[in-house]
Amino acid sequence: MATISREEVAHLARLARLAVTDEELDTFAGQLDVILQAVAQVGEVAAADVPPTSHSVPLTNVFRDDVVAPCLPRADVLAGAPDAEDNRFRVPRILDEEA
């Protein structure tokens, strides 16, 4: 398996606009190499007969179906509001804009 070189790390650092020292280049090269090896191992495990999944266990929809139902009358809804005006909820102004 190919390892990532110090020059490749320096190139990646330049692309990411990161200022790294020579000591950091050596450290990052080793760390990135470990990460790349781990990713390669995952790629080796994946088999053609295993379908890709987003979750390790099957999920089912636990929500109820959308069903059209009659709405509450406007007067009943507004009766519970702290303040109403022109058949709408009245709320405090939060922006300094003209109406």
C-alpha atoms as a PDB file:
ATOM      1  CA  MET A   1       0.000   0.000   0.000  1.00  0.00           C
ATOM      2  CA  ALA A   2       1.363   3.426  -0.939  1.00  0.00           C
ATOM      3  CA  THR A   3       2.032   5.869   1.838  1.00  0.00           C
ATOM      4  CA  ILE A   4       1.377   9.567   1.631  1.00  0.00           C
ATOM      5  CA  SER A   5       4.555  11.535   1.151  1.00  0.00           C
ATOM      6  CA  ARG A   6       5.699  14.613   2.968  1.00  0.00           C
ATOM      7  CA  GLU A   7       5.475  16.551  -0.316  1.00  0.00           C
ATOM      8  CA  GLU A   8       1.850  15.482  -0.789  1.00  0.00           C
ATOM      9  CA  VAL A   9       1.021  16.705   2.717  1.00  0.00           C
ATOM     10  CA  ALA A  10       2.730  20.019   1.952  1.00  0.00           C
ATOM     11  CA  HIS A  11       0.692  20.284  -1.261  1.00  0.00           C
ATOM     12  CA  LEU A  12      -2.553  19.581   0.626  1.00  0.00           C
ATOM     13  CA  ALA A  13      -1.594  22.174   3.235  1.00  0.00           C
ATOM     14  CA  ARG A  14      -1.014  24.764   0.504  1.00  0.00           C
ATOM     15  CA  LEU A  15      -4.392  23.953  -1.079  1.00  0.00           C
ATOM     16  CA  ALA A  16      -6.082  24.329   2.308  1.00  0.00           C
ATOM     17  CA  ARG A  17      -4.068  27.511   2.929  1.00  0.00           C
ATOM     18  CA  LEU A  18      -2.611  26.087   6.134  1.00  0.00           C
ATOM     19  CA  ALA A  19       0.762  27.202   7.424  1.00  0.00           C
ATOM     20  CA  VAL A  20       2.534  24.094   8.709  1.00  0.00           C
ATOM     21  CA  THR A  21       6.043  23.607  10.024  1.00  0.00           C
ATOM     22  CA  ASP A  22       8.460  20.918   8.843  1.00  0.00           C
ATOM     23  CA  GLU A  23       7.827  19.008  12.058  1.00  0.00           C
ATOM     24  CA  GLU A  24       4.058  19.170  11.475  1.00  0.00           C
ATOM     25  CA  LEU A  25       4.507  17.882   7.919  1.00  0.00           C
ATOM     26  CA  ASP A  26       6.152  14.748   9.267  1.00  0.00           C
ATOM     27  CA  THR A  27       3.478  14.321  11.953  1.00  0.00           C
ATOM     28  CA  PHE A  28       0.584  14.886   9.549  1.00  0.00           C
ATOM     29  CA  ALA A  29       2.079  12.542   6.946  1.00  0.00           C
ATOM     30  CA  GLY A  30       2.079   9.728   9.493  1.00  0.00           C
ATOM     31  CA  GLN A  31      -1.426  10.523  10.716  1.00  0.00           C
ATOM     32  CA  LEU A  32      -2.876  10.803   7.208  1.00  0.00           C
ATOM     33  CA  ASP A  33      -1.215   7.533   6.240  1.00  0.00           C
ATOM     34  CA  VAL A  34      -2.961   5.752   9.137  1.00  0.00           C
ATOM     35  CA  ILE A  35      -6.298   7.250   8.073  1.00  0.00           C
ATOM     36  CA  LEU A  36      -5.819   6.255   4.438  1.00  0.00           C
ATOM     37  CA  GLN A  37      -4.902   2.698   5.442  1.00  0.00           C
ATOM     38  CA  ALA A  38      -8.055   2.454   7.571  1.00  0.00           C
ATOM     39  CA  VAL A  39     -10.196   3.679   4.675  1.00  0.00           C
ATOM     40  CA  ALA A  40      -8.530   1.154   2.362  1.00  0.00           C
ATOM     41  CA  GLN A  41      -9.348  -1.650   4.813  1.00  0.00           C
ATOM     42  CA  VAL A  42     -13.006  -0.628   4.821  1.00  0.00           C
ATOM     43  CA  GLY A  43     -12.975  -0.703   1.029  1.00  0.00           C
ATOM     44  CA  GLU A  44     -11.578  -4.249   1.075  1.00  0.00           C
ATOM     45  CA  VAL A  45     -14.349  -5.484   3.393  1.00  0.00           C
ATOM     46  CA  ALA A  46     -17.187  -4.220   1.206  1.00  0.00           C
ATOM     47  CA  ALA A  47     -18.467  -7.103  -0.882  1.00  0.00           C
ATOM     48  CA  ALA A  48     -20.393  -6.980  -4.143  1.00  0.00           C
ATOM     49  CA  ASP A  49     -23.214  -9.097  -2.687  1.00  0.00           C
ATOM     50  CA  VAL A  50     -23.800  -6.705   0.256  1.00  0.00           C
ATOM     51  CA  PRO A  51     -26.211  -3.902  -0.642  1.00  0.00           C
ATOM     52  CA  PRO A  52     -25.236  -0.385   0.461  1.00  0.00           C
ATOM     53  CA  THR A  53     -27.189   0.863   3.473  1.00  0.00           C
ATOM     54  CA  SER A  54     -27.579   4.105   5.368  1.00  0.00           C
ATOM     55  CA  HIS A  55     -28.318   2.383   8.698  1.00  0.00           C
ATOM     56  CA  SER A  56     -27.129  -0.818  10.319  1.00  0.00           C
ATOM     57  CA  VAL A  57     -30.680  -1.892  11.171  1.00  0.00           C
ATOM     58  CA  PRO A  58     -33.808  -1.648   9.012  1.00  0.00           C
ATOM     59  CA  LEU A  59     -35.946   1.397   9.721  1.00  0.00           C
ATOM     60  CA  THR A  60     -39.675   1.767   9.307  1.00  0.00           C
ATOM     61  CA  ASN A  61     -41.743   4.907   9.251  1.00  0.00           C
ATOM     62  CA  VAL A  62     -43.282   5.382  12.685  1.00  0.00           C
ATOM     63  CA  PHE A  63     -45.384   8.373  11.740  1.00  0.00           C
ATOM     64  CA  ARG A  64     -49.091   8.235  11.037  1.00  0.00           C
ATOM     65  CA  ASP A  65     -50.424   8.743   7.533  1.00  0.00           C
ATOM     66  CA  ASP A  66     -51.416  12.273   6.557  1.00  0.00           C
ATOM     67  CA  VAL A  67     -55.170  12.445   6.629  1.00  0.00           C
ATOM     68  CA  VAL A  68     -57.194  15.497   5.672  1.00  0.00           C
ATOM     69  CA  ALA A  69     -59.366  16.544   8.604  1.00  0.00           C
ATOM     70  CA  PRO A  70     -61.544  19.571   9.271  1.00  0.00           C
ATOM     71  CA  CYS A  71     -59.781  22.557  10.811  1.00  0.00           C
ATOM     72  CA  LEU A  72     -60.838  24.383  13.936  1.00  0.00           C
ATOM     73  CA  PRO A  73     -63.067  27.386  13.364  1.00  0.00           C
ATOM     74  CA  ARG A  74     -61.071  30.613  13.236  1.00  0.00           C
ATOM     75  CA  ALA A  75     -62.991  32.095  16.164  1.00  0.00           C
ATOM     76  CA  ASP A  76     -62.079  29.121  18.379  1.00  0.00           C
ATOM     77  CA  VAL A  77     -58.400  29.380  17.453  1.00  0.00           C
ATOM     78  CA  LEU A  78     -58.223  33.130  18.040  1.00  0.00           C
ATOM     79  CA  ALA A  79     -60.136  32.776  21.319  1.00  0.00           C
ATOM     80  CA  GLY A  80     -57.051  31.186  22.857  1.00  0.00           C
ATOM     81  CA  ALA A  81     -54.653  33.845  21.567  1.00  0.00           C
ATOM     82  CA  PRO A  82     -53.313  36.486  23.970  1.00  0.00           C
ATOM     83  CA  ASP A  83     -54.105  39.159  21.377  1.00  0.00           C
ATOM     84  CA  ALA A  84     -55.894  39.108  18.005  1.00  0.00           C
ATOM     85  CA  GLU A  85     -56.596  41.741  15.385  1.00  0.00           C
ATOM     86  CA  ASP A  86     -58.350  41.529  11.988  1.00  0.00           C
ATOM     87  CA  ASN A  87     -58.858  37.755  12.370  1.00  0.00           C
ATOM     88  CA  ARG A  88     -55.107  37.210  12.865  1.00  0.00           C
ATOM     89  CA  PHE A  89     -52.734  36.659  15.765  1.00  0.00           C
ATOM     90  CA  ARG A  90     -51.252  39.938  16.985  1.00  0.00           C
ATOM     91  CA  VAL A  91     -47.623  39.663  18.078  1.00  0.00           C
ATOM     92  CA  PRO A  92     -45.129  42.255  19.293  1.00  0.00           C
ATOM     93  CA  ARG A  93     -43.023  43.978  16.658  1.00  0.00           C
ATOM     94  CA  ILE A  94     -39.475  42.641  16.682  1.00  0.00           C
ATOM     95  CA  LEU A  95     -37.971  44.653  13.826  1.00  0.00           C
ATOM     96  CA  ASP A  96     -37.759  48.387  13.429  1.00  0.00           C
ATOM     97  CA  GLU A  97     -39.562  48.368  10.122  1.00  0.00           C
ATOM     98  CA  GLU A  98     -42.542  50.395   9.060  1.00  0.00           C
ATOM     99  CA  ALA A  99     -45.768  48.414   8.674  1.00  0.00           C
END
